[in-house]
Full PDB file with SEQRES, HELIX, SHEET, SSBOND, CRYST1, ORIGX, SCALE, CONECT and MASTER records, all heavy atoms in Angstrom:
SEQRES   1 A   36  ALA ASP GLY ASP VAL ALA ILE ARG VAL GLY SER THR MET          
SEQRES   2 A   36  LEU PHE LEU ARG THR SER ALA ASP GLY GLN GLU ILE VAL          
SEQRES   3 A   36  LEU PHE ALA PRO VAL VAL HIS ASP ILE ALA                      
SHEET    1 AA1 3 VAL A   5  VAL A   9  0                                        
SHEET    2 AA1 3 THR A  12  THR A  18 -1                                        
SHEET    3 AA1 3 ILE A  25  PHE A  28 -1                                        
CRYST1    1.000    1.000    1.000  90.00  90.00  90.00 P 1           1          
ORIGX1      1.000000  0.000000  0.000000        0.00000                         
ORIGX2      0.000000  1.000000  0.000000        0.00000                         
ORIGX3      0.000000  0.000000  1.000000        0.00000                         
SCALE1      1.000000  0.000000  0.000000        0.00000                         
SCALE2      0.000000  1.000000  0.000000        0.00000                         
SCALE3      0.000000  0.000000  1.000000        0.00000                         
ATOM      1  N   ALA A   1       0.832  -1.134  -0.043  1.00  0.00           N  
ATOM      2  CA  ALA A   1      -0.052  -0.040   0.007  1.00  0.00           C  
ATOM      3  C   ALA A   1       0.836   1.278   0.023  1.00  0.00           C  
ATOM      4  O   ALA A   1       0.402   2.294  -0.345  1.00  0.00           O  
ATOM      5  CB  ALA A   1      -0.872   0.022   1.303  1.00  0.00           C  
ATOM      6  N   ASP A   2       2.090   1.134   0.441  1.00  0.00           N  
ATOM      7  CA  ASP A   2       2.951   2.295   0.477  1.00  0.00           C  
ATOM      8  C   ASP A   2       3.797   2.402  -0.941  1.00  0.00           C  
ATOM      9  O   ASP A   2       4.551   3.395  -0.982  1.00  0.00           O  
ATOM     10  CB  ASP A   2       4.034   2.159   1.579  1.00  0.00           C  
ATOM     11  CG  ASP A   2       3.338   2.226   3.009  1.00  0.00           C  
ATOM     12  OD1 ASP A   2       2.377   3.031   3.100  1.00  0.00           O  
ATOM     13  OD2 ASP A   2       3.797   1.413   3.826  1.00  0.00           O  
ATOM     14  N   GLY A   3       3.582   1.554  -1.824  1.00  0.00           N  
ATOM     15  CA  GLY A   3       4.198   1.631  -3.120  1.00  0.00           C  
ATOM     16  C   GLY A   3       5.527   0.910  -3.183  1.00  0.00           C  
ATOM     17  O   GLY A   3       6.220   0.949  -4.164  1.00  0.00           O  
ATOM     18  N   ASP A   4       5.955   0.268  -2.065  1.00  0.00           N  
ATOM     19  CA  ASP A   4       7.274  -0.546  -1.995  1.00  0.00           C  
ATOM     20  C   ASP A   4       7.053  -1.773  -2.781  1.00  0.00           C  
ATOM     21  O   ASP A   4       6.141  -2.487  -2.746  1.00  0.00           O  
ATOM     22  CB  ASP A   4       7.638  -0.824  -0.606  1.00  0.00           C  
ATOM     23  CG  ASP A   4       7.997   0.403   0.145  1.00  0.00           C  
ATOM     24  OD1 ASP A   4       8.372   1.388  -0.473  1.00  0.00           O  
ATOM     25  OD2 ASP A   4       7.722   0.391   1.461  1.00  0.00           O  
ATOM     26  N   VAL A   5       8.093  -2.170  -3.574  1.00  0.00           N  
ATOM     27  CA  VAL A   5       8.101  -3.347  -4.298  1.00  0.00           C  
ATOM     28  C   VAL A   5       9.027  -4.346  -3.582  1.00  0.00           C  
ATOM     29  O   VAL A   5      10.065  -4.108  -3.144  1.00  0.00           O  
ATOM     30  CB  VAL A   5       8.785  -3.187  -5.774  1.00  0.00           C  
ATOM     31  CG1 VAL A   5       8.833  -4.478  -6.558  1.00  0.00           C  
ATOM     32  CG2 VAL A   5       7.825  -2.213  -6.552  1.00  0.00           C  
ATOM     33  N   ALA A   6       8.417  -5.633  -3.471  1.00  0.00           N  
ATOM     34  CA  ALA A   6       9.173  -6.811  -2.930  1.00  0.00           C  
ATOM     35  C   ALA A   6       9.821  -7.501  -4.073  1.00  0.00           C  
ATOM     36  O   ALA A   6       9.189  -7.929  -4.960  1.00  0.00           O  
ATOM     37  CB  ALA A   6       8.326  -7.632  -2.057  1.00  0.00           C  
ATOM     38  N   ILE A   7      11.098  -7.835  -3.925  1.00  0.00           N  
ATOM     39  CA  ILE A   7      11.799  -8.648  -4.908  1.00  0.00           C  
ATOM     40  C   ILE A   7      12.549  -9.836  -4.269  1.00  0.00           C  
ATOM     41  O   ILE A   7      13.220  -9.760  -3.199  1.00  0.00           O  
ATOM     42  CB  ILE A   7      12.903  -7.691  -5.598  1.00  0.00           C  
ATOM     43  CG1 ILE A   7      12.345  -6.469  -6.149  1.00  0.00           C  
ATOM     44  CG2 ILE A   7      13.666  -8.424  -6.619  1.00  0.00           C  
ATOM     45  CD1 ILE A   7      13.402  -5.402  -6.566  1.00  0.00           C  
ATOM     46  N   ARG A   8      12.241 -11.017  -4.869  1.00  0.00           N  
ATOM     47  CA  ARG A   8      12.905 -12.131  -4.216  1.00  0.00           C  
ATOM     48  C   ARG A   8      14.146 -12.472  -5.152  1.00  0.00           C  
ATOM     49  O   ARG A   8      14.036 -12.658  -6.374  1.00  0.00           O  
ATOM     50  CB  ARG A   8      11.929 -13.426  -4.307  1.00  0.00           C  
ATOM     51  CG  ARG A   8      12.611 -14.617  -3.734  1.00  0.00           C  
ATOM     52  CD  ARG A   8      11.605 -15.752  -3.786  1.00  0.00           C  
ATOM     53  NE  ARG A   8      11.121 -16.051  -5.041  1.00  0.00           N  
ATOM     54  CZ  ARG A   8      11.697 -16.901  -6.011  1.00  0.00           C  
ATOM     55  NH1 ARG A   8      12.907 -17.330  -5.713  1.00  0.00           N  
ATOM     56  NH2 ARG A   8      11.179 -17.072  -7.197  1.00  0.00           N  
ATOM     57  N   VAL A   9      15.229 -12.648  -4.546  1.00  0.00           N  
ATOM     58  CA  VAL A   9      16.436 -13.092  -5.229  1.00  0.00           C  
ATOM     59  C   VAL A   9      16.931 -14.364  -4.435  1.00  0.00           C  
ATOM     60  O   VAL A   9      17.719 -14.119  -3.336  1.00  0.00           O  
ATOM     61  CB  VAL A   9      17.538 -12.021  -5.221  1.00  0.00           C  
ATOM     62  CG1 VAL A   9      18.738 -12.418  -6.025  1.00  0.00           C  
ATOM     63  CG2 VAL A   9      16.821 -10.747  -5.809  1.00  0.00           C  
ATOM     64  N   GLY A  10      16.719 -15.568  -4.914  1.00  0.00           N  
ATOM     65  CA  GLY A  10      17.097 -16.695  -4.195  1.00  0.00           C  
ATOM     66  C   GLY A  10      16.381 -16.665  -2.824  1.00  0.00           C  
ATOM     67  O   GLY A  10      15.117 -16.697  -2.859  1.00  0.00           O  
ATOM     68  N   SER A  11      17.131 -16.858  -1.805  1.00  0.00           N  
ATOM     69  CA  SER A  11      16.521 -16.813  -0.448  1.00  0.00           C  
ATOM     70  C   SER A  11      16.471 -15.494   0.225  1.00  0.00           C  
ATOM     71  O   SER A  11      16.091 -15.295   1.288  1.00  0.00           O  
ATOM     72  CB  SER A  11      17.342 -17.824   0.482  1.00  0.00           C  
ATOM     73  OG  SER A  11      18.651 -17.389   0.545  1.00  0.00           O  
ATOM     74  N   THR A  12      16.897 -14.540  -0.529  1.00  0.00           N  
ATOM     75  CA  THR A  12      16.889 -13.175  -0.071  1.00  0.00           C  
ATOM     76  C   THR A  12      15.770 -12.345  -0.499  1.00  0.00           C  
ATOM     77  O   THR A  12      15.335 -12.489  -1.711  1.00  0.00           O  
ATOM     78  CB  THR A  12      18.242 -12.422  -0.479  1.00  0.00           C  
ATOM     79  OG1 THR A  12      19.302 -13.171   0.020  1.00  0.00           O  
ATOM     80  CG2 THR A  12      18.296 -10.945   0.081  1.00  0.00           C  
ATOM     81  N   MET A  13      15.210 -11.425   0.260  1.00  0.00           N  
ATOM     82  CA  MET A  13      14.135 -10.500  -0.224  1.00  0.00           C  
ATOM     83  C   MET A  13      14.640  -9.089  -0.094  1.00  0.00           C  
ATOM     84  O   MET A  13      15.030  -8.687   0.976  1.00  0.00           O  
ATOM     85  CB  MET A  13      12.904 -10.746   0.646  1.00  0.00           C  
ATOM     86  CG  MET A  13      11.660 -10.056   0.045  1.00  0.00           C  
ATOM     87  SD  MET A  13      10.100 -10.477   0.635  1.00  0.00           S  
ATOM     88  CE  MET A  13      10.151 -10.239   2.457  1.00  0.00           C  
ATOM     89  N   LEU A  14      14.434  -8.369  -1.180  1.00  0.00           N  
ATOM     90  CA  LEU A  14      14.837  -6.922  -1.181  1.00  0.00           C  
ATOM     91  C   LEU A  14      13.610  -6.198  -1.330  1.00  0.00           C  
ATOM     92  O   LEU A  14      12.549  -6.597  -1.764  1.00  0.00           O  
ATOM     93  CB  LEU A  14      15.792  -6.619  -2.308  1.00  0.00           C  
ATOM     94  CG  LEU A  14      17.003  -7.599  -2.625  1.00  0.00           C  
ATOM     95  CD1 LEU A  14      17.744  -7.112  -3.794  1.00  0.00           C  
ATOM     96  CD2 LEU A  14      17.803  -7.633  -1.438  1.00  0.00           C  
ATOM     97  N   PHE A  15      13.602  -4.869  -1.054  1.00  0.00           N  
ATOM     98  CA  PHE A  15      12.556  -3.942  -1.332  1.00  0.00           C  
ATOM     99  C   PHE A  15      13.005  -2.753  -2.096  1.00  0.00           C  
ATOM    100  O   PHE A  15      14.198  -2.396  -2.131  1.00  0.00           O  
ATOM    101  CB  PHE A  15      12.007  -3.420  -0.021  1.00  0.00           C  
ATOM    102  CG  PHE A  15      11.238  -4.601   0.805  1.00  0.00           C  
ATOM    103  CD1 PHE A  15      11.949  -5.375   1.606  1.00  0.00           C  
ATOM    104  CD2 PHE A  15       9.886  -4.735   0.610  1.00  0.00           C  
ATOM    105  CE1 PHE A  15      11.376  -6.311   2.366  1.00  0.00           C  
ATOM    106  CE2 PHE A  15       9.326  -5.784   1.277  1.00  0.00           C  
ATOM    107  CZ  PHE A  15      10.045  -6.633   2.199  1.00  0.00           C  
ATOM    108  N   LEU A  16      12.061  -2.107  -2.788  1.00  0.00           N  
ATOM    109  CA  LEU A  16      12.542  -1.082  -3.716  1.00  0.00           C  
ATOM    110  C   LEU A  16      11.344   0.036  -3.593  1.00  0.00           C  
ATOM    111  O   LEU A  16      10.212  -0.265  -3.512  1.00  0.00           O  
ATOM    112  CB  LEU A  16      12.598  -1.516  -5.204  1.00  0.00           C  
ATOM    113  CG  LEU A  16      12.814  -0.535  -6.278  1.00  0.00           C  
ATOM    114  CD1 LEU A  16      13.448  -1.167  -7.540  1.00  0.00           C  
ATOM    115  CD2 LEU A  16      11.539   0.159  -6.695  1.00  0.00           C  
ATOM    116  N   ARG A  17      11.763   1.284  -3.541  1.00  0.00           N  
ATOM    117  CA  ARG A  17      10.985   2.456  -3.571  1.00  0.00           C  
ATOM    118  C   ARG A  17      11.452   3.559  -4.282  1.00  0.00           C  
ATOM    119  O   ARG A  17      12.702   3.635  -4.460  1.00  0.00           O  
ATOM    120  CB  ARG A  17      10.465   2.887  -2.191  1.00  0.00           C  
ATOM    121  CG  ARG A  17      11.575   3.496  -1.294  1.00  0.00           C  
ATOM    122  CD  ARG A  17      10.883   4.180  -0.078  1.00  0.00           C  
ATOM    123  NE  ARG A  17      10.032   3.216   0.644  1.00  0.00           N  
ATOM    124  CZ  ARG A  17       9.532   3.563   1.873  1.00  0.00           C  
ATOM    125  NH1 ARG A  17       9.961   4.701   2.546  1.00  0.00           N  
ATOM    126  NH2 ARG A  17       8.732   2.788   2.515  1.00  0.00           N  
ATOM    127  N   THR A  18      10.659   4.388  -4.964  1.00  0.00           N  
ATOM    128  CA  THR A  18      11.144   5.505  -5.646  1.00  0.00           C  
ATOM    129  C   THR A  18      10.898   6.877  -4.957  1.00  0.00           C  
ATOM    130  O   THR A  18      10.064   6.918  -4.113  1.00  0.00           O  
ATOM    131  CB  THR A  18      10.522   5.681  -7.039  1.00  0.00           C  
ATOM    132  OG1 THR A  18       9.050   5.735  -6.798  1.00  0.00           O  
ATOM    133  CG2 THR A  18      10.741   4.473  -7.828  1.00  0.00           C  
ATOM    134  N   SER A  19      11.658   7.924  -5.239  1.00  0.00           N  
ATOM    135  CA  SER A  19      11.506   9.095  -4.541  1.00  0.00           C  
ATOM    136  C   SER A  19      10.321   9.885  -5.135  1.00  0.00           C  
ATOM    137  O   SER A  19       9.967   9.648  -6.293  1.00  0.00           O  
ATOM    138  CB  SER A  19      12.825   9.973  -4.658  1.00  0.00           C  
ATOM    139  OG  SER A  19      13.057  10.265  -6.021  1.00  0.00           O  
ATOM    140  N   ALA A  20       9.834  10.808  -4.406  1.00  0.00           N  
ATOM    141  CA  ALA A  20       8.576  11.531  -4.875  1.00  0.00           C  
ATOM    142  C   ALA A  20       8.868  12.373  -6.110  1.00  0.00           C  
ATOM    143  O   ALA A  20       7.966  12.627  -6.846  1.00  0.00           O  
ATOM    144  CB  ALA A  20       8.114  12.416  -3.728  1.00  0.00           C  
ATOM    145  N   ASP A  21      10.113  12.850  -6.181  1.00  0.00           N  
ATOM    146  CA  ASP A  21      10.448  13.651  -7.401  1.00  0.00           C  
ATOM    147  C   ASP A  21      10.957  12.803  -8.544  1.00  0.00           C  
ATOM    148  O   ASP A  21      11.286  13.422  -9.660  1.00  0.00           O  
ATOM    149  CB  ASP A  21      11.522  14.739  -6.960  1.00  0.00           C  
ATOM    150  CG  ASP A  21      12.754  14.071  -6.503  1.00  0.00           C  
ATOM    151  OD1 ASP A  21      12.981  12.769  -6.544  1.00  0.00           O  
ATOM    152  OD2 ASP A  21      13.693  14.802  -6.049  1.00  0.00           O  
ATOM    153  N   GLY A  22      10.926  11.563  -8.486  1.00  0.00           N  
ATOM    154  CA  GLY A  22      11.348  10.669  -9.593  1.00  0.00           C  
ATOM    155  C   GLY A  22      12.694  10.633  -9.906  1.00  0.00           C  
ATOM    156  O   GLY A  22      13.192  10.198 -11.022  1.00  0.00           O  
ATOM    157  N   GLN A  23      13.638  11.080  -9.058  1.00  0.00           N  
ATOM    158  CA  GLN A  23      15.087  11.208  -9.311  1.00  0.00           C  
ATOM    159  C   GLN A  23      15.821  10.051  -8.789  1.00  0.00           C  
ATOM    160  O   GLN A  23      17.043  10.004  -9.051  1.00  0.00           O  
ATOM    161  CB  GLN A  23      15.635  12.650  -8.789  1.00  0.00           C  
ATOM    162  CG  GLN A  23      14.890  13.816  -9.555  1.00  0.00           C  
ATOM    163  CD  GLN A  23      15.804  15.013  -9.285  1.00  0.00           C  
ATOM    164  OE1 GLN A  23      17.018  14.997  -9.309  1.00  0.00           O  
ATOM    165  NE2 GLN A  23      15.179  16.151  -8.951  1.00  0.00           N  
ATOM    166  N   GLU A  24      15.257   9.219  -7.944  1.00  0.00           N  
ATOM    167  CA  GLU A  24      16.090   8.196  -7.332  1.00  0.00           C  
ATOM    168  C   GLU A  24      15.288   6.950  -7.016  1.00  0.00           C  
ATOM    169  O   GLU A  24      14.101   7.018  -6.737  1.00  0.00           O  
ATOM    170  CB  GLU A  24      16.539   8.775  -5.944  1.00  0.00           C  
ATOM    171  CG  GLU A  24      17.358   7.861  -5.064  1.00  0.00           C  
ATOM    172  CD  GLU A  24      17.552   8.422  -3.623  1.00  0.00           C  
ATOM    173  OE1 GLU A  24      16.727   9.264  -3.219  1.00  0.00           O  
ATOM    174  OE2 GLU A  24      18.597   8.037  -3.063  1.00  0.00           O  
ATOM    175  N   ILE A  25      15.978   5.788  -7.143  1.00  0.00           N  
ATOM    176  CA  ILE A  25      15.401   4.565  -6.842  1.00  0.00           C  
ATOM    177  C   ILE A  25      16.262   4.106  -5.539  1.00  0.00           C  
ATOM    178  O   ILE A  25      17.529   4.007  -5.733  1.00  0.00           O  
ATOM    179  CB  ILE A  25      15.522   3.525  -7.956  1.00  0.00           C  
ATOM    180  CG1 ILE A  25      14.807   4.083  -9.110  1.00  0.00           C  
ATOM    181  CG2 ILE A  25      15.047   2.124  -7.431  1.00  0.00           C  
ATOM    182  CD1 ILE A  25      14.974   3.166 -10.343  1.00  0.00           C  
ATOM    183  N   VAL A  26      15.580   3.691  -4.516  1.00  0.00           N  
ATOM    184  CA  VAL A  26      16.405   3.156  -3.386  1.00  0.00           C  
ATOM    185  C   VAL A  26      16.041   1.620  -3.237  1.00  0.00           C  
ATOM    186  O   VAL A  26      14.831   1.373  -3.070  1.00  0.00           O  
ATOM    187  CB  VAL A  26      16.040   3.896  -2.065  1.00  0.00           C  
ATOM    188  CG1 VAL A  26      16.663   3.144  -0.950  1.00  0.00           C  
ATOM    189  CG2 VAL A  26      16.621   5.307  -2.120  1.00  0.00           C  
ATOM    190  N   LEU A  27      16.968   0.722  -3.199  1.00  0.00           N  
ATOM    191  CA  LEU A  27      16.843  -0.610  -2.988  1.00  0.00           C  
ATOM    192  C   LEU A  27      17.370  -0.787  -1.522  1.00  0.00           C  
ATOM    193  O   LEU A  27      18.317  -0.243  -1.045  1.00  0.00           O  
ATOM    194  CB  LEU A  27      17.702  -1.452  -3.856  1.00  0.00           C  
ATOM    195  CG  LEU A  27      17.276  -1.582  -5.386  1.00  0.00           C  
ATOM    196  CD1 LEU A  27      18.441  -1.944  -6.274  1.00  0.00           C  
ATOM    197  CD2 LEU A  27      16.077  -2.549  -5.462  1.00  0.00           C  
ATOM    198  N   PHE A  28      16.611  -1.638  -0.768  1.00  0.00           N  
ATOM    199  CA  PHE A  28      16.986  -1.765   0.616  1.00  0.00           C  
ATOM    200  C   PHE A  28      16.522  -3.255   1.048  1.00  0.00           C  
ATOM    201  O   PHE A  28      15.669  -3.782   0.530  1.00  0.00           O  
ATOM    202  CB  PHE A  28      16.439  -0.718   1.526  1.00  0.00           C  
ATOM    203  CG  PHE A  28      14.924  -0.631   1.515  1.00  0.00           C  
ATOM    204  CD1 PHE A  28      14.066  -1.162   2.490  1.00  0.00           C  
ATOM    205  CD2 PHE A  28      14.221   0.200   0.452  1.00  0.00           C  
ATOM    206  CE1 PHE A  28      12.711  -1.007   2.389  1.00  0.00           C  
ATOM    207  CE2 PHE A  28      12.850   0.287   0.404  1.00  0.00           C  
ATOM    208  CZ  PHE A  28      12.080  -0.247   1.479  1.00  0.00           C  
ATOM    209  N   ALA A  29      17.223  -3.630   2.079  1.00  0.00           N  
ATOM    210  CA  ALA A  29      16.991  -4.911   2.636  1.00  0.00           C  
ATOM    211  C   ALA A  29      17.148  -5.062   4.165  1.00  0.00           C  
ATOM    212  O   ALA A  29      18.190  -4.543   4.685  1.00  0.00           O  
ATOM    213  CB  ALA A  29      17.895  -6.120   2.113  1.00  0.00           C  
ATOM    214  N   PRO A  30      16.119  -5.316   4.830  1.00  0.00           N  
ATOM    215  CA  PRO A  30      16.313  -5.515   6.325  1.00  0.00           C  
ATOM    216  C   PRO A  30      17.068  -6.779   6.615  1.00  0.00           C  
ATOM    217  O   PRO A  30      16.653  -7.923   6.221  1.00  0.00           O  
ATOM    218  CB  PRO A  30      14.894  -5.607   6.830  1.00  0.00           C  
ATOM    219  CG  PRO A  30      14.106  -6.139   5.704  1.00  0.00           C  
ATOM    220  CD  PRO A  30      14.748  -5.692   4.426  1.00  0.00           C  
ATOM    221  N   VAL A  31      18.214  -6.655   7.176  1.00  0.00           N  
ATOM    222  CA  VAL A  31      19.105  -7.819   7.291  1.00  0.00           C  
ATOM    223  C   VAL A  31      19.222  -8.325   8.793  1.00  0.00           C  
ATOM    224  O   VAL A  31      19.430  -9.512   8.945  1.00  0.00           O  
ATOM    225  CB  VAL A  31      20.496  -7.592   6.750  1.00  0.00           C  
ATOM    226  CG1 VAL A  31      20.547  -7.506   5.307  1.00  0.00           C  
ATOM    227  CG2 VAL A  31      21.193  -6.327   7.428  1.00  0.00           C  
ATOM    228  N   VAL A  32      19.058  -7.503   9.684  1.00  0.00           N  
ATOM    229  CA  VAL A  32      19.016  -7.877  11.173  1.00  0.00           C  
ATOM    230  C   VAL A  32      17.881  -7.267  11.864  1.00  0.00           C  
ATOM    231  O   VAL A  32      17.692  -6.040  11.746  1.00  0.00           O  
ATOM    232  CB  VAL A  32      20.435  -7.588  11.849  1.00  0.00           C  
ATOM    233  CG1 VAL A  32      20.575  -8.036  13.339  1.00  0.00           C  
ATOM    234  CG2 VAL A  32      21.590  -8.064  11.125  1.00  0.00           C  
ATOM    235  N   HIS A  33      17.328  -8.010  12.757  1.00  0.00           N  
ATOM    236  CA  HIS A  33      16.161  -7.426  13.480  1.00  0.00           C  
ATOM    237  C   HIS A  33      16.466  -7.708  15.075  1.00  0.00           C  
ATOM    238  O   HIS A  33      17.245  -8.577  15.471  1.00  0.00           O  
ATOM    239  CB  HIS A  33      14.945  -8.189  13.142  1.00  0.00           C  
ATOM    240  CG  HIS A  33      14.622  -8.229  11.644  1.00  0.00           C  
ATOM    241  ND1 HIS A  33      13.634  -7.491  11.155  1.00  0.00           N  
ATOM    242  CD2 HIS A  33      15.162  -8.909  10.665  1.00  0.00           C  
ATOM    243  CE1 HIS A  33      13.656  -7.581   9.800  1.00  0.00           C  
ATOM    244  NE2 HIS A  33      14.554  -8.403   9.495  1.00  0.00           N  
ATOM    245  N   ASP A  34      15.799  -6.935  15.881  1.00  0.00           N  
ATOM    246  CA  ASP A  34      15.773  -7.099  17.272  1.00  0.00           C  
ATOM    247  C   ASP A  34      17.226  -7.045  17.807  1.00  0.00           C  
ATOM    248  O   ASP A  34      17.494  -7.890  18.685  1.00  0.00           O  
ATOM    249  CB  ASP A  34      15.081  -8.340  17.670  1.00  0.00           C  
ATOM    250  CG  ASP A  34      13.706  -8.505  17.212  1.00  0.00           C  
ATOM    251  OD1 ASP A  34      13.030  -7.515  17.104  1.00  0.00           O  
ATOM    252  OD2 ASP A  34      13.195  -9.627  16.927  1.00  0.00           O  
ATOM    253  N   ILE A  35      17.923  -5.997  17.418  1.00  0.00           N  
ATOM    254  CA  ILE A  35      19.383  -5.923  17.942  1.00  0.00           C  
ATOM    255  C   ILE A  35      19.375  -5.606  19.372  1.00  0.00           C  
ATOM    256  O   ILE A  35      18.432  -4.912  19.931  1.00  0.00           O  
ATOM    257  CB  ILE A  35      20.253  -4.933  17.038  1.00  0.00           C  
ATOM    258  CG1 ILE A  35      19.600  -3.516  17.270  1.00  0.00           C  
ATOM    259  CG2 ILE A  35      20.120  -5.297  15.637  1.00  0.00           C  
ATOM    260  CD1 ILE A  35      20.460  -2.407  16.781  1.00  0.00           C  
ATOM    261  N   ALA A  36      20.463  -5.894  20.059  1.00  0.00           N  
ATOM    262  CA  ALA A  36      20.572  -5.555  21.383  1.00  0.00           C  
ATOM    263  C   ALA A  36      21.754  -4.683  21.531  1.00  0.00           C  
ATOM    264  O   ALA A  36      22.938  -4.902  21.214  1.00  0.00           O  
ATOM    265  CB  ALA A  36      20.885  -7.000  22.251  1.00  0.00           C  
TER     266      ALA A  36                                                      
MASTER        0    0    0    0    3    0    0    6  265    1    0    3          
END                                                                             
């Protein structure tokens, strides 16, 4: 609903979103959760 794209690459999942001005694509992956 936020416009983020989920991409599967093997066992890894990446996400993609674009900037409001259309000048940038950001790819990101959450790699570690619940850090101490």
